[in-house]
Amino acid sequence: MTTWSDSPFPRLVDGRRVPVPARVLAEERGEARYVYRIGDRPGWLAKIYKDPLSVFAAEQLRLLIEAPGLMTDRDRALVDRSTAWPVARIQENDRTVGIVMAESPGRVTARIRLRGGRMGDPEPLEVDWLVASEAMLARAGLRAPTAEVRLRAVHDLLTIGDLFERYGVVYGDWSYNNAFWAPGSGEVFLIDMDSCRIGRRPWIQSPEWTDPLYPDGSLFLDKYSDRFKLAALSVRCLTGRRGDVVKAWESLPDEYRMGAPGRLLRQAIRAQRAEDRPSPGRLLEVLSPIAPERPSTSGGAGAVLAPIAPMPRGGVAGSRPVRGTARASGDQAARHPSHPPSPDRRYTSAQVRRPHDALGGRPGPDAGATPGPYTSPGRPRSRRGSLGVVIGLIVVAVSALALFDWLSA
């Protein structure tokens, strides 16, 4: 099953017709009231928000959901294989109250050794484990990642980041906990896609990932902030070192640090101007000659949504960062064994275990499932069409909605 193209849902789902959960995976965590597996659609999850989205945020989410339909076949294949791209909005009383998304695939799961030596059920393996010590990995029953596995994980992260930038998608929350990886190959699967925005997004608090050029909520996050966080994540995944990203860079293997990869990664994390940070595509160019061979899904036309992406870092007239949107990314909580994992990032039926989480504690029992009717999904009217007209209408609509959202804030 692919995560976007195989969606059996219409782009807009009536919340009253979504079945009761087959299994609740999260409650009252982050922006989610709960996340659950949809009873009559195996492999698909519903995420219900604590508060309905604003008109502007709902429109941005609509654009994000439709975006893969405007991509090249190669880029859409990357979306389908490597991201939990949202496929539908859940609506009640004309307000967007949640989304539908695919579960993470089995290839990014592993069995973790529990207390007492028993091996647990397969569960998603967060990138957090790529920066765990060998002793911690051994206690969990996991094999230490090889240099080739680390490089492939970084290559996948940069490939996804390159796709985002070419289509004007700002992720904003690159961290240990928002991606899973396959322990045998290093292949990556990105989650928490519904918080992405087109062009820019409100600032979010991210312990351990603070961008020195975007220190607080006075600035929107954009592609340049994404470049910093993605480079920092790449350095930490390549070295297995947490903490100060500059010190992590200094511990890069010589073949990276002394060559173009090390130079560009250092530029991305140390540049004094955001515009001087190299793009994920540029990092891919220098990493590809030393990355493990695999079919490439990067490249293609892209930039379909880019005309609304370049905006002043400090905002534009009639818009401003949305108050009250700052949230912790979960990384700080993951450092303390007494703090349970954030289950709104648990996109399979098993609990995600991070290296510093206490072992033990399982999801609750399955609830009964009640089938619910769905209509077949509506496909985008045209994948090519007159992009100039479409882009013009999008720019007008987003500008008007931004002004409305600001006035109503």
Protein backbone atom coordinates (compact mmCIF):
# COMPACT_ATOMS: atom_id res chain seq x y z
CA MET A 1 0.00 0.00 0.00
CA THR A 2 1.22 3.51 -0.80
CA THR A 3 0.56 6.31 1.65
CA TRP A 4 -1.15 8.83 -0.66
CA SER A 5 -1.98 7.34 -4.05
CA ASP A 6 -3.83 4.34 -2.58
CA SER A 7 -6.09 6.42 -0.35
CA PRO A 8 -9.69 5.11 -0.36
CA PHE A 9 -10.97 8.39 1.11
CA PRO A 10 -12.43 11.53 -0.44
CA ARG A 11 -10.36 14.63 0.23
CA LEU A 12 -12.98 15.81 2.74
CA VAL A 13 -14.51 13.32 5.19
CA ASP A 14 -17.62 13.97 7.28
CA GLY A 15 -16.56 13.40 10.87
CA ARG A 16 -19.94 11.85 11.66
CA ARG A 17 -19.21 9.06 9.17
CA VAL A 18 -15.79 8.12 10.52
CA PRO A 19 -16.11 4.77 12.34
CA VAL A 20 -15.29 4.34 16.00
CA PRO A 21 -11.67 3.40 16.66
CA ALA A 22 -10.38 -0.10 16.07
CA ARG A 23 -7.58 0.85 18.43
CA VAL A 24 -6.81 4.16 20.13
CA LEU A 25 -3.09 4.88 19.88
CA ALA A 26 -2.86 8.25 21.62
CA GLU A 27 -4.92 10.51 23.83
CA GLU A 28 -4.42 14.16 24.83
CA ARG A 29 -0.91 14.52 23.50
CA GLY A 30 0.47 17.46 21.55
CA GLU A 31 -2.12 19.02 19.27
CA ALA A 32 -4.04 15.74 19.07
CA ARG A 33 -7.01 14.81 21.21
CA TYR A 34 -6.48 11.26 20.03
CA VAL A 35 -5.06 9.17 17.18
CA TYR A 36 -6.72 5.90 16.27
CA ARG A 37 -6.79 3.16 13.69
CA ILE A 38 -9.90 3.42 11.52
CA GLY A 39 -12.01 0.32 12.07
CA ASP A 40 -13.04 -0.57 8.52
CA ARG A 41 -9.88 0.63 6.75
CA PRO A 42 -6.80 -1.39 7.78
CA GLY A 43 -3.60 0.58 7.48
CA TRP A 44 -5.26 4.00 7.91
CA LEU A 45 -5.35 6.28 10.93
CA ALA A 46 -7.44 9.25 12.03
CA LYS A 47 -5.93 12.09 14.03
CA ILE A 48 -8.46 14.32 15.82
CA TYR A 49 -7.27 17.74 16.98
CA LYS A 50 -7.98 19.29 20.36
CA ASP A 51 -9.23 22.43 18.63
CA PRO A 52 -10.58 22.93 15.08
CA LEU A 53 -8.13 24.53 12.66
CA SER A 54 -8.46 28.18 11.69
CA VAL A 55 -9.76 28.96 8.21
CA PHE A 56 -6.24 29.77 7.02
CA ALA A 57 -4.67 26.64 8.53
CA ALA A 58 -7.43 24.48 7.04
CA GLU A 59 -6.80 25.95 3.59
CA GLN A 60 -3.07 25.35 3.94
CA LEU A 61 -3.81 21.75 4.91
CA ARG A 62 -6.08 21.39 1.88
CA LEU A 63 -3.28 22.58 -0.40
CA LEU A 64 -0.86 20.17 1.26
CA ILE A 65 -3.23 17.22 0.78
CA GLU A 66 -3.67 18.04 -2.91
CA ALA A 67 0.02 18.72 -3.60
CA PRO A 68 1.12 15.17 -4.55
CA GLY A 69 -1.44 15.22 -7.38
CA LEU A 70 0.59 18.04 -8.97
CA MET A 71 3.94 16.32 -8.56
CA THR A 72 5.93 14.33 -11.07
CA ASP A 73 5.51 10.56 -10.94
CA ARG A 74 8.98 10.19 -9.42
CA ASP A 75 8.30 12.70 -6.64
CA ARG A 76 4.88 11.22 -5.90
CA ALA A 77 6.53 7.80 -5.56
CA LEU A 78 8.80 9.28 -2.88
CA VAL A 79 5.77 10.70 -1.06
CA ASP A 80 4.04 7.32 -1.22
CA ARG A 81 7.00 5.36 0.11
CA SER A 82 8.65 7.68 2.59
CA THR A 83 6.06 9.98 4.22
CA ALA A 84 2.82 9.83 6.18
CA TRP A 85 1.38 12.50 3.89
CA PRO A 86 -2.19 13.43 4.96
CA VAL A 87 -4.81 12.23 2.50
CA ALA A 88 -8.04 13.79 3.80
CA ARG A 89 -9.41 16.40 6.18
CA ILE A 90 -12.06 15.39 8.71
CA GLN A 91 -14.74 18.07 8.97
CA GLU A 92 -17.55 18.77 11.41
CA ASN A 93 -19.82 21.83 11.32
CA ASP A 94 -17.73 23.28 8.47
CA ARG A 95 -14.55 23.19 10.59
CA THR A 96 -11.52 20.96 10.06
CA VAL A 97 -11.21 18.81 13.18
CA GLY A 98 -8.70 16.17 12.06
CA ILE A 99 -6.94 14.33 9.27
CA VAL A 100 -6.61 10.84 7.80
CA MET A 101 -3.14 9.39 7.16
CA ALA A 102 -1.48 6.05 6.52
CA GLU A 103 0.22 3.95 9.17
CA SER A 104 3.98 3.60 9.08
CA PRO A 105 5.17 0.53 7.12
CA GLY A 106 6.50 -2.62 8.72
CA ARG A 107 9.99 -2.14 7.28
CA VAL A 108 10.71 0.65 9.80
CA THR A 109 9.86 -1.47 12.84
CA ALA A 110 11.98 -3.56 15.19
CA ARG A 111 11.51 -5.75 18.26
CA ILE A 112 12.80 -4.12 21.45
CA ARG A 113 13.99 -6.18 24.42
CA LEU A 114 11.73 -5.54 27.41
CA ARG A 115 12.41 -5.83 31.11
CA GLY A 116 13.04 -9.42 31.99
CA GLY A 117 14.65 -10.15 28.62
CA ARG A 118 11.45 -10.78 26.67
CA MET A 119 11.35 -9.33 23.15
CA GLY A 120 8.41 -7.04 22.48
CA ASP A 121 6.19 -6.87 19.43
CA PRO A 122 7.49 -5.06 16.34
CA GLU A 123 7.20 -1.29 16.77
CA PRO A 124 8.39 1.79 14.87
CA LEU A 125 12.05 2.59 15.34
CA GLU A 126 12.62 6.31 15.76
CA VAL A 127 15.70 8.04 14.37
CA ASP A 128 16.41 8.73 18.05
CA TRP A 129 17.93 5.24 18.16
CA LEU A 130 20.52 6.26 15.54
CA VAL A 131 22.10 8.49 18.18
CA ALA A 132 21.88 5.94 21.01
CA SER A 133 25.05 4.48 22.52
CA GLU A 134 26.15 0.99 21.53
CA ALA A 135 25.54 -0.17 25.12
CA MET A 136 21.97 1.12 25.03
CA LEU A 137 21.36 -0.51 21.65
CA ALA A 138 22.72 -3.80 22.97
CA ARG A 139 20.43 -3.68 26.02
CA ALA A 140 17.48 -3.12 23.68
CA GLY A 141 18.53 -6.04 21.47
CA LEU A 142 19.29 -3.80 18.50
CA ARG A 143 22.30 -4.06 16.23
CA ALA A 144 24.48 -0.94 16.13
CA PRO A 145 23.99 0.88 12.80
CA THR A 146 26.87 0.69 10.36
CA ALA A 147 28.32 3.75 8.64
CA GLU A 148 26.48 2.68 5.47
CA VAL A 149 23.13 2.52 7.32
CA ARG A 150 23.72 5.97 8.82
CA LEU A 151 24.60 7.42 5.44
CA ARG A 152 21.53 5.94 3.80
CA ALA A 153 19.28 7.36 6.52
CA VAL A 154 20.79 10.81 5.99
CA HIS A 155 20.48 10.42 2.22
CA ASP A 156 16.77 9.60 2.63
CA LEU A 157 16.17 12.54 4.99
CA LEU A 158 17.86 14.94 2.57
CA THR A 159 15.92 13.49 -0.37
CA ILE A 160 12.64 14.17 1.43
CA GLY A 161 13.86 17.64 2.41
CA ASP A 162 14.82 18.34 -1.19
CA LEU A 163 11.33 17.40 -2.36
CA PHE A 164 9.77 19.68 0.27
CA GLU A 165 11.87 22.66 -0.76
CA ARG A 166 11.20 22.20 -4.46
CA TYR A 167 7.45 22.28 -3.80
CA GLY A 168 7.51 25.07 -1.24
CA VAL A 169 6.62 22.82 1.72
CA VAL A 170 8.00 23.91 5.11
CA TYR A 171 8.26 21.08 7.64
CA GLY A 172 9.69 23.03 10.56
CA ASP A 173 10.00 20.17 13.06
CA TRP A 174 12.96 18.06 11.92
CA SER A 175 14.05 16.08 14.98
CA TYR A 176 14.88 12.62 16.31
CA ASN A 177 11.25 11.74 16.95
CA ASN A 178 9.55 12.62 13.67
CA ALA A 179 11.11 9.94 11.49
CA PHE A 180 11.40 6.17 11.67
CA TRP A 181 14.22 4.12 10.11
CA ALA A 182 14.75 0.55 8.97
CA PRO A 183 17.53 -1.05 11.05
CA GLY A 184 18.70 -3.27 8.20
CA SER A 185 18.90 -0.68 5.43
CA GLY A 186 18.63 2.77 6.99
CA GLU A 187 15.55 3.62 4.94
CA VAL A 188 13.52 6.47 6.49
CA PHE A 189 9.80 7.19 6.90
CA LEU A 190 8.71 10.72 7.95
CA ILE A 191 5.65 11.38 10.13
CA ASP A 192 3.78 14.42 11.51
CA MET A 193 3.21 15.74 8.01
CA ASP A 194 -0.09 17.49 8.75
CA SER A 195 1.66 20.36 10.53
CA CYS A 196 3.55 21.32 7.35
CA ARG A 197 2.63 24.58 5.66
CA ILE A 198 3.16 26.03 2.20
CA GLY A 199 5.78 28.79 2.06
CA ARG A 200 6.23 29.24 5.80
CA ARG A 201 4.77 28.16 9.11
CA PRO A 202 4.47 29.57 12.65
CA TRP A 203 7.53 29.22 14.85
CA ILE A 204 7.58 26.23 17.18
CA GLN A 205 9.65 25.55 20.26
CA SER A 206 12.07 22.70 19.61
CA PRO A 207 14.50 21.91 22.43
CA GLU A 208 17.90 20.79 21.08
CA TRP A 209 16.98 22.13 17.62
CA THR A 210 16.92 25.88 18.25
CA ASP A 211 17.95 27.76 15.14
CA PRO A 212 20.26 30.66 16.14
CA LEU A 213 18.87 32.79 13.31
CA TYR A 214 15.23 32.04 14.28
CA PRO A 215 15.48 32.19 18.08
CA ASP A 216 11.86 32.96 18.95
CA GLY A 217 8.33 33.44 17.67
CA SER A 218 9.01 36.85 16.14
CA LEU A 219 9.85 35.09 12.88
CA PHE A 220 8.03 32.57 10.75
CA LEU A 221 9.86 29.36 9.91
CA ASP A 222 10.73 28.91 6.24
CA LYS A 223 12.94 26.81 3.99
CA TYR A 224 16.11 28.36 5.45
CA SER A 225 15.21 27.24 8.97
CA ASP A 226 14.45 23.79 7.57
CA ARG A 227 17.92 23.75 6.03
CA PHE A 228 19.53 24.32 9.45
CA LYS A 229 17.51 21.67 11.29
CA LEU A 230 17.91 19.10 8.54
CA ALA A 231 21.68 19.68 8.44
CA ALA A 232 21.85 19.38 12.25
CA LEU A 233 19.86 16.14 12.10
CA SER A 234 22.15 14.84 9.34
CA VAL A 235 25.29 15.55 11.36
CA ARG A 236 23.88 13.86 14.45
CA CYS A 237 22.73 10.81 12.50
CA LEU A 238 26.13 10.45 10.79
CA THR A 239 28.06 10.71 14.07
CA GLY A 240 25.64 9.29 16.64
CA ARG A 241 26.34 12.32 18.85
CA ARG A 242 23.75 14.45 20.62
CA GLY A 243 24.17 17.90 22.10
CA ASP A 244 26.22 20.69 20.54
CA VAL A 245 25.89 20.28 16.79
CA VAL A 246 29.24 21.96 16.09
CA LYS A 247 31.01 19.44 18.33
CA ALA A 248 29.07 16.68 16.59
CA TRP A 249 30.32 18.05 13.25
CA GLU A 250 33.90 17.95 14.54
CA SER A 251 33.51 14.20 15.13
CA LEU A 252 32.46 13.46 11.54
CA PRO A 253 34.56 10.79 9.83
CA ASP A 254 37.42 12.31 7.84
CA GLU A 255 35.92 11.38 4.48
CA TYR A 256 32.99 13.68 5.27
CA ARG A 257 34.58 16.40 7.39
CA MET A 258 37.60 17.03 5.15
CA GLY A 259 35.60 17.09 1.92
CA ALA A 260 32.64 18.86 0.34
CA PRO A 261 30.00 17.14 2.57
CA GLY A 262 31.67 18.43 5.74
CA ARG A 263 32.20 21.90 4.32
CA LEU A 264 28.56 22.29 3.26
CA LEU A 265 27.17 20.79 6.47
CA ARG A 266 29.28 23.23 8.47
CA GLN A 267 28.04 26.08 6.31
CA ALA A 268 24.44 25.03 6.95
CA ILE A 269 24.84 25.09 10.73
CA ARG A 270 27.26 28.05 11.06
CA ALA A 271 26.18 30.51 8.32
CA GLN A 272 25.55 34.03 9.61
CA ARG A 273 22.87 34.64 6.99
CA ALA A 274 20.01 32.21 6.50
CA GLU A 275 20.22 32.65 2.73
CA ASP A 276 23.80 31.28 2.76
CA ARG A 277 22.71 27.88 4.02
CA PRO A 278 23.05 25.21 1.28
CA SER A 279 19.88 23.48 0.15
CA PRO A 280 19.14 19.77 0.74
CA GLY A 281 19.56 19.26 -2.99
CA ARG A 282 23.09 20.69 -2.85
CA LEU A 283 23.95 18.44 0.09
CA LEU A 284 22.62 15.47 -1.86
CA GLU A 285 24.91 16.30 -4.77
CA VAL A 286 28.01 15.94 -2.62
CA LEU A 287 26.76 12.97 -0.59
CA SER A 288 25.47 10.88 -3.50
CA PRO A 289 28.92 9.73 -4.71
CA ILE A 290 29.56 8.12 -1.31
CA ALA A 291 25.98 7.09 -0.47
CA PRO A 292 24.87 3.44 -0.86
CA GLU A 293 23.38 2.72 -4.26
CA ARG A 294 19.60 2.83 -4.41
CA PRO A 295 16.95 3.98 -6.89
CA SER A 296 16.84 7.77 -6.84
CA THR A 297 13.50 9.50 -6.32
CA SER A 298 14.93 13.00 -6.14
CA GLY A 299 14.72 15.47 -8.97
CA GLY A 300 11.99 16.24 -11.45
CA ALA A 301 10.14 19.44 -12.18
CA GLY A 302 8.97 20.45 -8.72
CA ALA A 303 8.34 23.98 -7.49
CA VAL A 304 4.63 23.72 -8.31
CA LEU A 305 3.76 25.59 -5.12
CA ALA A 306 6.96 27.65 -4.94
CA PRO A 307 5.42 30.97 -6.03
CA ILE A 308 3.77 31.30 -2.60
CA ALA A 309 6.83 30.05 -0.74
CA PRO A 310 9.31 32.98 -0.82
CA MET A 311 8.09 35.41 1.86
CA PRO A 312 9.98 37.88 4.08
CA ARG A 313 11.32 36.11 7.18
CA GLY A 314 9.74 38.72 9.45
CA GLY A 315 6.27 38.39 7.95
CA VAL A 316 4.27 40.47 5.50
CA ALA A 317 1.63 43.09 5.96
CA GLY A 318 -1.60 41.57 7.17
CA SER A 319 -0.04 38.44 8.64
CA ARG A 320 1.89 37.47 11.76
CA PRO A 321 2.88 34.36 13.68
CA VAL A 322 -0.12 32.68 15.24
CA ARG A 323 -0.09 33.07 19.00
CA GLY A 324 -0.29 30.02 21.16
CA THR A 325 1.15 27.62 18.58
CA ALA A 326 4.49 27.00 20.26
CA ARG A 327 4.90 23.43 21.43
CA ALA A 328 7.72 21.26 22.60
CA SER A 329 8.92 18.81 19.98
CA GLY A 330 9.16 15.94 22.44
CA ASP A 331 12.96 15.71 22.32
CA GLN A 332 13.42 17.05 25.85
CA ALA A 333 10.88 14.61 27.22
CA ALA A 334 12.64 11.77 25.44
CA ARG A 335 15.77 12.37 27.50
CA HIS A 336 14.12 11.34 30.77
CA PRO A 337 13.14 7.73 31.53
CA SER A 338 10.36 8.85 33.85
CA HIS A 339 8.58 10.68 31.02
CA PRO A 340 6.43 8.43 28.82
CA PRO A 341 6.79 8.64 25.04
CA SER A 342 4.52 11.03 23.19
CA PRO A 343 1.99 8.62 21.72
CA ASP A 344 0.63 11.06 19.15
CA ARG A 345 3.80 10.20 17.24
CA ARG A 346 3.05 6.47 17.50
CA TYR A 347 1.69 5.69 14.08
CA THR A 348 1.32 1.92 14.40
CA SER A 349 -0.47 -0.25 16.95
CA ALA A 350 2.69 -0.65 19.03
CA GLN A 351 4.16 1.87 21.43
CA VAL A 352 7.22 3.72 20.17
CA ARG A 353 10.12 3.22 22.56
CA ARG A 354 12.89 5.78 22.59
CA PRO A 355 16.37 5.05 23.92
CA HIS A 356 15.78 7.00 27.14
CA ASP A 357 12.20 5.89 27.80
CA ALA A 358 11.50 3.42 30.56
CA LEU A 359 10.61 0.02 29.14
CA GLY A 360 7.20 -1.39 29.85
CA GLY A 361 3.64 -0.25 29.39
CA ARG A 362 1.61 -1.39 26.42
CA PRO A 363 -1.28 0.11 24.47
CA GLY A 364 -4.76 -0.62 25.70
CA PRO A 365 -6.96 -3.42 24.37
CA ASP A 366 -8.66 -3.16 21.03
CA ALA A 367 -12.05 -1.57 20.96
CA GLY A 368 -14.86 -2.87 18.83
CA ALA A 369 -14.95 -1.53 15.28
CA THR A 370 -18.03 -0.30 13.51
CA PRO A 371 -17.81 -0.12 9.71
CA GLY A 372 -18.58 3.22 8.13
CA PRO A 373 -19.40 4.10 4.54
CA TYR A 374 -17.00 6.07 2.36
CA THR A 375 -17.20 7.35 -1.14
CA SER A 376 -14.32 6.89 -3.56
CA PRO A 377 -11.71 9.64 -3.44
CA GLY A 378 -11.91 12.51 -5.85
CA ARG A 379 -8.76 12.81 -7.91
CA PRO A 380 -7.29 16.18 -8.82
CA ARG A 381 -8.97 17.55 -11.91
CA SER A 382 -5.69 17.84 -13.78
CA ARG A 383 -2.09 17.04 -12.96
CA ARG A 384 -0.78 19.38 -15.58
CA GLY A 385 -3.40 21.91 -16.74
CA SER A 386 -2.75 25.60 -16.77
CA LEU A 387 -0.43 25.99 -13.79
CA GLY A 388 -0.27 29.75 -14.20
CA VAL A 389 -3.99 30.15 -13.59
CA VAL A 390 -3.98 27.67 -10.71
CA ILE A 391 -1.00 29.31 -8.99
CA GLY A 392 -2.54 32.77 -9.41
CA LEU A 393 -5.76 31.65 -7.76
CA ILE A 394 -3.82 29.99 -4.92
CA VAL A 395 -1.82 33.15 -4.23
CA VAL A 396 -4.98 35.29 -4.11
CA ALA A 397 -6.80 32.80 -1.87
CA VAL A 398 -3.90 32.35 0.57
CA SER A 399 -3.34 36.11 0.84
CA ALA A 400 -7.01 36.74 1.57
CA LEU A 401 -7.15 33.94 4.13
CA ALA A 402 -3.96 35.17 5.83
CA LEU A 403 -5.54 38.61 6.25
CA PHE A 404 -8.75 37.07 7.59
CA ASP A 405 -6.81 34.88 9.99
CA TRP A 406 -4.83 37.87 11.28
CA LEU A 407 -7.93 40.01 11.79
CA SER A 408 -9.67 37.25 13.69
CA ALA A 409 -6.64 36.40 15.88
